[in-house]
C-alpha atoms as a PDB file:
ATOM      1  CA  MET A   1     -33.646 -11.612 -56.811  1.00  0.00           C
ATOM      2  CA  MET A   2     -36.059 -12.124 -53.386  1.00  0.00           C
ATOM      3  CA  GLU A   3     -32.456 -11.121 -51.369  1.00  0.00           C
ATOM      4  CA  PHE A   4     -31.925  -8.130 -54.042  1.00  0.00           C
ATOM      5  CA  LEU A   5     -35.621  -6.749 -53.445  1.00  0.00           C
ATOM      6  CA  ARG A   6     -35.263  -7.391 -49.805  1.00  0.00           C
ATOM      7  CA  ALA A   7     -31.976  -5.840 -49.421  1.00  0.00           C
ATOM      8  CA  HIS A   8     -33.278  -2.393 -51.124  1.00  0.00           C
ATOM      9  CA  GLN A   9     -36.394  -2.333 -49.519  1.00  0.00           C
ATOM     10  CA  PRO A  10     -36.120   0.542 -47.379  1.00  0.00           C
ATOM     11  CA  VAL A  11     -34.760   2.540 -50.605  1.00  0.00           C
ATOM     12  CA  PHE A  12     -37.886   1.701 -52.451  1.00  0.00           C
ATOM     13  CA  ASP A  13     -39.846   2.671 -49.301  1.00  0.00           C
ATOM     14  CA  PHE A  14     -38.487   6.060 -49.050  1.00  0.00           C
ATOM     15  CA  PHE A  15     -38.986   6.327 -52.898  1.00  0.00           C
ATOM     16  CA  LEU A  16     -42.507   5.782 -52.753  1.00  0.00           C
ATOM     17  CA  LEU A  17     -42.961   8.658 -49.736  1.00  0.00           C
ATOM     18  CA  THR A  18     -40.815  10.781 -51.669  1.00  0.00           C
ATOM     19  CA  LEU A  19     -43.057  10.053 -54.681  1.00  0.00           C
ATOM     20  CA  GLY A  20     -46.052  11.024 -52.403  1.00  0.00           C
ATOM     21  CA  PHE A  21     -44.667  14.605 -51.564  1.00  0.00           C
ATOM     22  CA  ALA A  22     -43.470  14.926 -54.943  1.00  0.00           C
ATOM     23  CA  TYR A  23     -47.198  15.138 -56.318  1.00  0.00           C
ATOM     24  CA  SER A  24     -48.731  16.984 -53.319  1.00  0.00           C
ATOM     25  CA  GLN A  25     -45.821  19.259 -54.417  1.00  0.00           C
ATOM     26  CA  GLN A  26     -46.602  18.847 -58.450  1.00  0.00           C
ATOM     27  CA  VAL A  27     -50.251  20.007 -58.334  1.00  0.00           C
ATOM     28  CA  VAL A  28     -50.346  23.262 -57.487  1.00  0.00           C
ATOM     29  CA  LEU A  29     -47.622  24.220 -59.828  1.00  0.00           C
ATOM     30  CA  ARG A  30     -49.509  22.369 -62.836  1.00  0.00           C
ATOM     31  CA  ALA A  31     -52.120  25.066 -61.755  1.00  0.00           C
ATOM     32  CA  GLY A  32     -49.853  27.907 -61.835  1.00  0.00           C
ATOM     33  CA  VAL A  33     -49.712  28.194 -58.183  1.00  0.00           C
ATOM     34  CA  PHE A  34     -45.538  28.674 -56.991  1.00  0.00           C
ATOM     35  CA  SER A  35     -46.418  27.496 -53.795  1.00  0.00           C
ATOM     36  CA  LEU A  36     -44.125  25.557 -51.211  1.00  0.00           C
ATOM     37  CA  ALA A  37     -46.465  24.978 -48.730  1.00  0.00           C
ATOM     38  CA  SER A  38     -47.017  21.406 -49.064  1.00  0.00           C
ATOM     39  CA  ALA A  39     -44.037  20.842 -46.254  1.00  0.00           C
ATOM     40  CA  ALA A  40     -46.045  22.300 -44.199  1.00  0.00           C
ATOM     41  CA  PHE A  41     -49.583  20.077 -44.864  1.00  0.00           C
ATOM     42  CA  SER A  42     -47.084  16.908 -44.582  1.00  0.00           C
ATOM     43  CA  CYS A  43     -46.035  18.451 -40.936  1.00  0.00           C
ATOM     44  CA  LEU A  44     -49.374  18.775 -39.608  1.00  0.00           C
ATOM     45  CA  GLY A  45     -50.549  15.246 -41.144  1.00  0.00           C
ATOM     46  CA  ALA A  46     -47.103  13.522 -39.587  1.00  0.00           C
ATOM     47  CA  TYR A  47     -47.861  15.244 -36.032  1.00  0.00           C
ATOM     48  CA  GLY A  48     -51.627  15.103 -36.007  1.00  0.00           C
ATOM     49  CA  CYS A  49     -51.844  11.149 -37.245  1.00  0.00           C
ATOM     50  CA  ALA A  50     -48.840  10.476 -34.844  1.00  0.00           C
ATOM     51  CA  TYR A  51     -51.016  12.092 -31.584  1.00  0.00           C
ATOM     52  CA  LEU A  52     -54.260  10.934 -32.508  1.00  0.00           C
ATOM     53  CA  VAL A  53     -52.772   7.131 -33.081  1.00  0.00           C
ATOM     54  CA  VAL A  54     -50.065   7.140 -30.029  1.00  0.00           C
ATOM     55  CA  LYS A  55     -51.714   9.923 -27.467  1.00  0.00           C
ATOM     56  CA  ALA A  56     -55.601   9.353 -28.210  1.00  0.00           C
ATOM     57  CA  GLY A  57     -55.571   5.788 -28.867  1.00  0.00           C
ATOM     58  CA  LEU A  58     -57.463   6.054 -32.267  1.00  0.00           C
ATOM     59  CA  PRO A  59     -57.008   2.945 -34.789  1.00  0.00           C
ATOM     60  CA  VAL A  60     -54.060   3.485 -37.553  1.00  0.00           C
ATOM     61  CA  ALA A  61     -56.626   3.824 -40.489  1.00  0.00           C
ATOM     62  CA  ALA A  62     -58.366   6.578 -38.774  1.00  0.00           C
ATOM     63  CA  GLY A  63     -55.106   8.379 -37.698  1.00  0.00           C
ATOM     64  CA  ILE A  64     -53.873   8.331 -41.317  1.00  0.00           C
ATOM     65  CA  GLY A  65     -57.400   9.455 -42.618  1.00  0.00           C
ATOM     66  CA  LEU A  66     -57.649  12.441 -40.092  1.00  0.00           C
ATOM     67  CA  GLY A  67     -53.918  13.618 -40.629  1.00  0.00           C
ATOM     68  CA  ALA A  68     -54.580  13.776 -44.578  1.00  0.00           C
ATOM     69  CA  LEU A  69     -57.748  16.119 -43.640  1.00  0.00           C
ATOM     70  CA  ILE A  70     -56.268  17.823 -41.142  1.00  0.00           C
ATOM     71  CA  GLY A  71     -53.263  18.828 -44.155  1.00  0.00           C
ATOM     72  CA  GLY A  72     -56.882  19.208 -46.630  1.00  0.00           C
ATOM     73  CA  LEU A  73     -58.560  21.250 -44.153  1.00  0.00           C
ATOM     74  CA  ALA A  74     -55.220  23.477 -42.983  1.00  0.00           C
ATOM     75  CA  SER A  75     -54.154  23.487 -47.367  1.00  0.00           C
ATOM     76  CA  TYR A  76     -58.355  25.394 -47.661  1.00  0.00           C
ATOM     77  CA  LEU A  77     -57.690  27.909 -45.128  1.00  0.00           C
ATOM     78  CA  VAL A  78     -54.117  28.891 -46.254  1.00  0.00           C
ATOM     79  CA  SER A  79     -55.749  29.172 -49.761  1.00  0.00           C
ATOM     80  CA  LEU A  80     -58.360  32.035 -48.983  1.00  0.00           C
ATOM     81  CA  PRO A  81     -55.527  34.618 -48.534  1.00  0.00           C
ATOM     82  CA  LEU A  82     -52.544  33.068 -50.432  1.00  0.00           C
ATOM     83  CA  ALA A  83     -55.126  32.574 -53.415  1.00  0.00           C
ATOM     84  CA  ARG A  84     -54.968  36.244 -54.113  1.00  0.00           C
ATOM     85  CA  LEU A  85     -51.277  36.365 -54.610  1.00  0.00           C
ATOM     86  CA  ARG A  86     -49.284  35.596 -57.720  1.00  0.00           C
ATOM     87  CA  GLY A  87     -45.590  34.492 -58.373  1.00  0.00           C
ATOM     88  CA  VAL A  88     -43.056  35.173 -55.708  1.00  0.00           C
ATOM     89  CA  TYR A  89     -45.017  36.682 -53.903  1.00  0.00           C
ATOM     90  CA  GLN A  90     -47.028  33.451 -53.405  1.00  0.00           C
ATOM     91  CA  ALA A  91     -43.672  31.659 -52.906  1.00  0.00           C
ATOM     92  CA  ILE A  92     -42.348  33.961 -50.108  1.00  0.00           C
ATOM     93  CA  ALA A  93     -45.737  33.621 -48.029  1.00  0.00           C
ATOM     94  CA  THR A  94     -45.540  29.832 -48.226  1.00  0.00           C
ATOM     95  CA  LEU A  95     -41.840  29.415 -47.401  1.00  0.00           C
ATOM     96  CA  ALA A  96     -42.769  31.749 -44.157  1.00  0.00           C
ATOM     97  CA  LEU A  97     -45.452  29.267 -43.901  1.00  0.00           C
ATOM     98  CA  VAL A  98     -43.293  26.156 -43.979  1.00  0.00           C
ATOM     99  CA  GLU A  99     -40.729  28.153 -41.530  1.00  0.00           C
ATOM    100  CA  LEU A 100     -43.868  28.863 -38.957  1.00  0.00           C
ATOM    101  CA  MET A 101     -44.758  25.502 -38.868  1.00  0.00           C
ATOM    102  CA  VAL A 102     -41.112  24.259 -38.093  1.00  0.00           C
ATOM    103  CA  ALA A 103     -41.116  26.552 -35.675  1.00  0.00           C
ATOM    104  CA  LEU A 104     -44.063  25.712 -34.400  1.00  0.00           C
ATOM    105  CA  ALA A 105     -43.167  21.673 -33.920  1.00  0.00           C
ATOM    106  CA  LEU A 106     -39.903  23.178 -32.153  1.00  0.00           C
ATOM    107  CA  TYR A 107     -41.688  25.172 -29.172  1.00  0.00           C
ATOM    108  CA  ALA A 108     -45.174  23.279 -29.123  1.00  0.00           C
ATOM    109  CA  GLU A 109     -42.389  20.294 -27.153  1.00  0.00           C
ATOM    110  CA  PRO A 110     -45.586  19.166 -25.166  1.00  0.00           C
ATOM    111  CA  ILE A 111     -47.341  18.052 -28.088  1.00  0.00           C
ATOM    112  CA  THR A 112     -44.445  17.707 -30.682  1.00  0.00           C
ATOM    113  CA  GLY A 113     -41.601  16.457 -28.634  1.00  0.00           C
ATOM    114  CA  GLY A 114     -39.578  19.365 -29.802  1.00  0.00           C
ATOM    115  CA  ALA A 115     -36.135  18.949 -31.056  1.00  0.00           C
ATOM    116  CA  VAL A 116     -36.667  15.818 -29.954  1.00  0.00           C
ATOM    117  CA  GLY A 117     -39.428  15.018 -32.294  1.00  0.00           C
ATOM    118  CA  PHE A 118     -42.587  12.374 -31.448  1.00  0.00           C
ATOM    119  CA  ASN A 119     -40.652   9.232 -30.624  1.00  0.00           C
ATOM    120  CA  ASN A 120     -41.412   5.644 -29.873  1.00  0.00           C
ATOM    121  CA  ILE A 121     -44.173   5.450 -32.987  1.00  0.00           C
ATOM    122  CA  PRO A 122     -45.628   2.160 -33.411  1.00  0.00           C
ATOM    123  CA  LYS A 123     -44.459   1.068 -36.943  1.00  0.00           C
ATOM    124  CA  HIS A 124     -48.019   0.176 -38.458  1.00  0.00           C
ATOM    125  CA  VAL A 125     -46.910   1.363 -42.261  1.00  0.00           C
ATOM    126  CA  GLY A 126     -44.841  -0.933 -45.052  1.00  0.00           C
ATOM    127  CA  THR A 127     -44.157  -1.344 -48.406  1.00  0.00           C
ATOM    128  CA  THR A 128     -47.683  -2.851 -49.350  1.00  0.00           C
ATOM    129  CA  GLU A 129     -49.502   0.383 -47.830  1.00  0.00           C
ATOM    130  CA  LEU A 130     -47.384   3.013 -49.085  1.00  0.00           C
ATOM    131  CA  LEU A 131     -47.451   1.588 -52.835  1.00  0.00           C
ATOM    132  CA  ILE A 132     -51.273   1.264 -52.226  1.00  0.00           C
ATOM    133  CA  ALA A 133     -51.245   4.927 -51.306  1.00  0.00           C
ATOM    134  CA  VAL A 134     -49.190   6.053 -54.138  1.00  0.00           C
ATOM    135  CA  LEU A 135     -51.504   3.853 -56.581  1.00  0.00           C
ATOM    136  CA  VAL A 136     -54.311   5.569 -55.097  1.00  0.00           C
ATOM    137  CA  VAL A 137     -52.862   9.033 -55.484  1.00  0.00           C
ATOM    138  CA  ILE A 138     -52.014   8.436 -59.054  1.00  0.00           C
ATOM    139  CA  TYR A 139     -55.531   7.203 -60.062  1.00  0.00           C
ATOM    140  CA  LEU A 140     -56.756  10.543 -58.362  1.00  0.00           C
ATOM    141  CA  LEU A 141     -54.891  12.516 -60.516  1.00  0.00           C
ATOM    142  CA  HIS A 142     -55.536  10.937 -63.431  1.00  0.00           C
ATOM    143  CA  ALA A 143     -58.998  11.465 -62.962  1.00  0.00           C
ATOM    144  CA  GLN A 144     -58.848  15.027 -62.195  1.00  0.00           C
ATOM    145  CA  SER A 145     -56.330  15.697 -65.207  1.00  0.00           C
ATOM    146  CA  ILE A 146     -58.849  14.785 -67.532  1.00  0.00           C
ATOM    147  CA  SER A 147     -62.007  16.266 -65.895  1.00  0.00           C
ATOM    148  CA  ARG A 148     -62.571  19.973 -66.407  1.00  0.00           C
ATOM    149  CA  ILE A 149     -60.624  20.856 -62.946  1.00  0.00           C
ATOM    150  CA  GLY A 150     -57.532  19.484 -64.823  1.00  0.00           C
ATOM    151  CA  ARG A 151     -58.399  21.620 -67.881  1.00  0.00           C
ATOM    152  CA  GLY A 152     -58.569  24.619 -65.785  1.00  0.00           C
ATOM    153  CA  PHE A 153     -55.375  24.201 -64.049  1.00  0.00           C
ATOM    154  CA  ASP A 154     -53.579  23.649 -67.311  1.00  0.00           C
ATOM    155  CA  ALA A 155     -55.209  26.529 -68.727  1.00  0.00           C
ATOM    156  CA  LEU A 156     -54.021  28.751 -65.251  1.00  0.00           C
ATOM    157  CA  ARG A 157     -50.750  27.643 -65.949  1.00  0.00           C
ATOM    158  CA  GLN A 158     -50.584  28.620 -69.549  1.00  0.00           C
ATOM    159  CA  ASP A 159     -52.142  32.014 -69.393  1.00  0.00           C
ATOM    160  CA  GLU A 160     -54.433  33.369 -66.685  1.00  0.00           C
ATOM    161  CA  TYR A 161     -56.016  36.004 -68.518  1.00  0.00           C
ATOM    162  CA  VAL A 162     -56.768  33.861 -71.312  1.00  0.00           C
ATOM    163  CA  ALA A 163     -58.637  31.245 -68.875  1.00  0.00           C
ATOM    164  CA  ALA A 164     -60.180  33.869 -67.304  1.00  0.00           C
ATOM    165  CA  SER A 165     -61.721  34.978 -70.796  1.00  0.00           C
ATOM    166  CA  LEU A 166     -62.794  31.172 -71.205  1.00  0.00           C
ATOM    167  CA  GLY A 167     -65.003  31.095 -67.752  1.00  0.00           C
ATOM    168  CA  VAL A 168     -62.201  29.763 -65.628  1.00  0.00           C
ATOM    169  CA  SER A 169     -61.790  30.954 -61.991  1.00  0.00           C
ATOM    170  CA  SER A 170     -58.478  31.204 -61.015  1.00  0.00           C
ATOM    171  CA  ARG A 171     -59.444  31.771 -57.665  1.00  0.00           C
ATOM    172  CA  ARG A 172     -61.666  28.464 -57.225  1.00  0.00           C
ATOM    173  CA  GLU A 173     -58.323  26.476 -59.084  1.00  0.00           C
ATOM    174  CA  HIS A 174     -56.365  27.776 -57.387  1.00  0.00           C
ATOM    175  CA  THR A 175     -58.228  27.076 -54.489  1.00  0.00           C
ATOM    176  CA  LEU A 176     -58.834  23.392 -55.217  1.00  0.00           C
ATOM    177  CA  ALA A 177     -55.215  22.593 -56.061  1.00  0.00           C
ATOM    178  CA  PHE A 178     -53.661  24.178 -52.868  1.00  0.00           C
ATOM    179  CA  ILE A 179     -56.797  21.558 -50.917  1.00  0.00           C
ATOM    180  CA  SER A 180     -55.572  18.732 -53.576  1.00  0.00           C
ATOM    181  CA  SER A 181     -52.156  19.451 -52.438  1.00  0.00           C
ATOM    182  CA  GLY A 182     -52.568  19.411 -48.633  1.00  0.00           C
ATOM    183  CA  LEU A 183     -54.798  16.093 -48.550  1.00  0.00           C
ATOM    184  CA  ILE A 184     -51.630  14.348 -50.592  1.00  0.00           C
ATOM    185  CA  GLY A 185     -49.108  15.843 -48.314  1.00  0.00           C
ATOM    186  CA  GLY A 186     -51.235  15.156 -45.163  1.00  0.00           C
ATOM    187  CA  LEU A 187     -52.038  11.616 -46.073  1.00  0.00           C
ATOM    188  CA  PHE A 188     -47.772  10.645 -47.015  1.00  0.00           C
ATOM    189  CA  GLY A 189     -46.887  12.906 -43.790  1.00  0.00           C
ATOM    190  CA  ALA A 190     -48.879  10.635 -42.015  1.00  0.00           C
ATOM    191  CA  LEU A 191     -48.345   7.436 -43.439  1.00  0.00           C
ATOM    192  CA  GLN A 192     -44.767   8.302 -42.828  1.00  0.00           C
ATOM    193  CA  SER A 193     -45.024   9.106 -39.186  1.00  0.00           C
ATOM    194  CA  MET A 194     -46.494   5.592 -38.696  1.00  0.00           C
ATOM    195  CA  TYR A 195     -43.462   4.155 -41.356  1.00  0.00           C
ATOM    196  CA  ALA A 196     -40.234   5.434 -39.613  1.00  0.00           C
ATOM    197  CA  TYR A 197     -41.112   5.443 -35.699  1.00  0.00           C
ATOM    198  CA  ASN A 198     -40.589   8.956 -35.416  1.00  0.00           C
ATOM    199  CA  VAL A 199     -41.550  12.560 -36.382  1.00  0.00           C
ATOM    200  CA  GLU A 200     -39.105  15.677 -36.698  1.00  0.00           C
ATOM    201  CA  PRO A 201     -39.322  19.046 -37.225  1.00  0.00           C
ATOM    202  CA  ASN A 202     -36.307  19.908 -39.509  1.00  0.00           C
ATOM    203  CA  GLN A 203     -37.771  16.611 -41.338  1.00  0.00           C
ATOM    204  CA  TYR A 204     -40.287  19.129 -43.360  1.00  0.00           C
ATOM    205  CA  GLY A 205     -38.457  21.962 -43.576  1.00  0.00           C
ATOM    206  CA  PHE A 206     -35.629  23.190 -46.114  1.00  0.00           C
ATOM    207  CA  GLY A 207     -34.468  19.758 -47.137  1.00  0.00           C
ATOM    208  CA  TYR A 208     -38.015  18.478 -47.578  1.00  0.00           C
ATOM    209  CA  MET A 209     -38.535  21.569 -50.364  1.00  0.00           C
ATOM    210  CA  VAL A 210     -35.205  21.039 -52.080  1.00  0.00           C
ATOM    211  CA  THR A 211     -35.971  17.362 -52.036  1.00  0.00           C
ATOM    212  CA  THR A 212     -39.722  17.438 -53.524  1.00  0.00           C
ATOM    213  CA  LEU A 213     -39.086  20.822 -55.981  1.00  0.00           C
ATOM    214  CA  ALA A 214     -35.986  18.922 -57.898  1.00  0.00           C
ATOM    215  CA  ALA A 215     -37.870  15.650 -58.416  1.00  0.00           C
ATOM    216  CA  ILE A 216     -40.862  17.851 -60.067  1.00  0.00           C
ATOM    217  CA  VAL A 217     -37.545  20.292 -62.028  1.00  0.00           C
ATOM    218  CA  LEU A 218     -36.070  16.642 -62.781  1.00  0.00           C
ATOM    219  CA  GLY A 219     -39.097  14.965 -64.187  1.00  0.00           C
ATOM    220  CA  GLY A 220     -41.404  17.816 -65.205  1.00  0.00           C
ATOM    221  CA  ARG A 221     -44.397  19.452 -63.672  1.00  0.00           C
ATOM    222  CA  ARG A 222     -47.169  18.561 -66.338  1.00  0.00           C
ATOM    223  CA  SER A 223     -47.616  14.502 -66.409  1.00  0.00           C
ATOM    224  CA  LEU A 224     -47.951  11.752 -63.966  1.00  0.00           C
ATOM    225  CA  LEU A 225     -44.523  10.261 -65.142  1.00  0.00           C
ATOM    226  CA  GLY A 226     -42.703  13.334 -64.204  1.00  0.00           C
ATOM    227  CA  PRO A 227     -42.496  13.086 -60.450  1.00  0.00           C
ATOM    228  CA  ILE A 228     -41.761   9.390 -61.015  1.00  0.00           C
ATOM    229  CA  LEU A 229     -38.702   9.695 -62.660  1.00  0.00           C
ATOM    230  CA  GLY A 230     -37.487  12.491 -61.074  1.00  0.00           C
ATOM    231  CA  SER A 231     -37.918  10.643 -57.439  1.00  0.00           C
ATOM    232  CA  ALA A 232     -36.321   7.760 -58.889  1.00  0.00           C
ATOM    233  CA  ILE A 233     -33.286  10.212 -59.920  1.00  0.00           C
ATOM    234  CA  MET A 234     -33.241  11.994 -56.435  1.00  0.00           C
ATOM    235  CA  ILE A 235     -33.335   8.658 -54.629  1.00  0.00           C
ATOM    236  CA  LEU A 236     -30.615   6.723 -56.599  1.00  0.00           C
ATOM    237  CA  LEU A 237     -28.504   9.572 -56.951  1.00  0.00           C
ATOM    238  CA  PRO A 238     -26.840   9.125 -53.760  1.00  0.00           C
ATOM    239  CA  GLU A 239     -26.456   6.052 -53.768  1.00  0.00           C
ATOM    240  CA  VAL A 240     -24.755   5.756 -57.130  1.00  0.00           C
ATOM    241  CA  ALA A 241     -22.290   9.038 -55.914  1.00  0.00           C
ATOM    242  CA  ARG A 242     -21.647   7.035 -53.099  1.00  0.00           C
ATOM    243  CA  PRO A 243     -17.671   7.471 -53.751  1.00  0.00           C
ATOM    244  CA  LEU A 244     -18.468  10.935 -54.462  1.00  0.00           C
ATOM    245  CA  ALA A 245     -19.946  11.923 -50.890  1.00  0.00           C
ATOM    246  CA  GLU A 246     -18.380  14.320 -50.209  1.00  0.00           C
ATOM    247  CA  TYR A 247     -19.278  16.432 -53.248  1.00  0.00           C
ATOM    248  CA  ARG A 248     -22.967  15.019 -53.498  1.00  0.00           C
ATOM    249  CA  GLN A 249     -24.427  18.185 -53.428  1.00  0.00           C
ATOM    250  CA  ILE A 250     -22.194  19.695 -55.926  1.00  0.00           C
ATOM    251  CA  VAL A 251     -23.277  16.589 -58.564  1.00  0.00           C
ATOM    252  CA  VAL A 252     -26.857  17.346 -57.783  1.00  0.00           C
ATOM    253  CA  GLY A 253     -26.566  20.768 -58.199  1.00  0.00           C
ATOM    254  CA  VAL A 254     -24.599  20.526 -61.574  1.00  0.00           C
ATOM    255  CA  ILE A 255     -27.090  17.553 -62.838  1.00  0.00           C
ATOM    256  CA  LEU A 256     -29.925  20.167 -62.048  1.00  0.00           C
ATOM    257  CA  MET A 257     -28.121  22.874 -63.797  1.00  0.00           C
ATOM    258  CA  ILE A 258     -28.103  20.840 -67.007  1.00  0.00           C
ATOM    259  CA  VAL A 259     -31.232  19.078 -66.989  1.00  0.00           C
ATOM    260  CA  VAL A 260     -32.904  23.043 -66.480  1.00  0.00           C
ATOM    261  CA  VAL A 261     -30.672  24.521 -69.592  1.00  0.00           C
ATOM    262  CA  LEU A 262     -31.443  21.633 -71.929  1.00  0.00           C
ATOM    263  CA  THR A 263     -34.803  20.196 -71.158  1.00  0.00           C
ATOM    264  CA  PRO A 264     -36.565  23.454 -68.973  1.00  0.00           C
ATOM    265  CA  GLN A 265     -39.978  20.986 -68.994  1.00  0.00           C
ATOM    266  CA  GLY A 266     -38.141  18.101 -67.305  1.00  0.00           C
ATOM    267  CA  LEU A 267     -37.361  15.060 -68.668  1.00  0.00           C
ATOM    268  CA  ALA A 268     -40.634  13.058 -68.509  1.00  0.00           C
ATOM    269  CA  ASP A 269     -42.701  15.771 -70.092  1.00  0.00           C
ATOM    270  CA  THR A 270     -39.669  16.380 -72.911  1.00  0.00           C
ATOM    271  CA  PHE A 271     -39.669  12.924 -73.552  1.00  0.00           C
ATOM    272  CA  LEU A 272     -43.626  12.286 -73.810  1.00  0.00           C
ATOM    273  CA  ALA A 273     -43.895  15.514 -75.535  1.00  0.00           C
ATOM    274  CA  TRP A 274     -40.934  14.084 -78.351  1.00  0.00           C
ATOM    275  CA  LEU A 275     -43.110  11.110 -78.578  1.00  0.00           C
ATOM    276  CA  GLN A 276     -45.978  13.247 -79.904  1.00  0.00           C
ATOM    277  CA  HIS A 277     -44.253  14.843 -82.292  1.00  0.00           C
ATOM    278  CA  ARG A 278     -42.811  11.763 -83.500  1.00  0.00           C
ATOM    279  CA  ARG A 279     -46.290  10.076 -83.656  1.00  0.00           C
ATOM    280  CA  ALA A 280     -47.907  13.149 -85.482  1.00  0.00           C
ATOM    281  CA  ARG A 281     -45.100  12.862 -88.274  1.00  0.00           C
ATOM    282  CA  ALA A 282     -45.979   9.367 -88.443  1.00  0.00           C
ATOM    283  CA  LEU A 283     -49.556   9.597 -89.176  1.00  0.00           C
ATOM    284  CA  ALA A 284     -49.298  12.681 -91.185  1.00  0.00           C
ATOM    285  CA  PRO A 285     -48.681  10.802 -94.262  1.00  0.00           C
ATOM    286  CA  MET A 286     -51.601   8.862 -93.841  1.00  0.00           C
ATOM    287  CA  ALA A 287     -54.182  11.927 -93.256  1.00  0.00           C
ATOM    288  CA  THR A 288     -52.571  13.011 -97.083  1.00  0.00           C
ATOM    289  CA  GLN A 289     -52.980   9.518 -98.425  1.00  0.00           C
ATOM    290  CA  ALA A 290     -56.788   8.585 -96.814  1.00  0.00           C
ATOM    291  CA  PRO A 291     -60.157   9.416 -99.073  1.00  0.00           C
ATOM    292  CA  GLY A 292     -60.519  12.697 -99.843  1.00  0.00           C
ATOM    293  CA  GLY A 293     -57.307  13.920 -97.899  1.00  0.00           C
ATOM    294  CA  ARG A 294     -55.458  16.584-100.408  1.00  0.00           C
ATOM    295  CA  ALA A 295     -52.268  15.426-102.011  1.00  0.00           C
END
């Protein structure tokens, strides 16, 4: 058993990183914000942490914390103009932001290393640190989901005008969603830089966005279980489809189309909704037989 875990430890580590990035993407989608900017926040956190630890000589914990704060500060500044946009305009603006961030990482060679990347980063993060970070993020997101902020996110996602009539400020909630996304993205970008020995601009480009969005689409954007299931599928699918390596992207595309058509809410969210419906049906006869209930 230990040999099996040791042999597949890199896969599990990659799953934890993908899960963290997926939560960064999910938190804005849950609030009804069609943002792709989590890739930019992760890029800032990764390069910021790498520079502060390697060049400035800060302790690793301080570098990771500042990397998360850099992502959070950038997300707040981005939210000021982007919280005014809606729908496809938000998606286009955040996509442009990601491309701008990748371009800056490519051309700011004295700081980022350019196309070669920021290399020779000592490895200070392993499976334990990644797992602790994921568990902390899950706890904080759960606490957020059952608070007034989480209820505001849900109301905005379902109908912004009804939410406004209930006193929910769309601009305030969208700003909070951006900041949450930036903090999580910056944190896991910083952790990745301390785990993978190097940071490259292309790590936070189109491939990043496809992977995180696919994880949310497969799992679901409402429950905390959604990114876990979606990330697991995205990580395990290439291993399972290794004999079909030449057609791997086709296999992923077909699976995404099937999931979108059959379970548009995502696999995890659909399963949880089914469980809730089944529980309600099981409790219905008990309610009718209770004292004072109607037959």
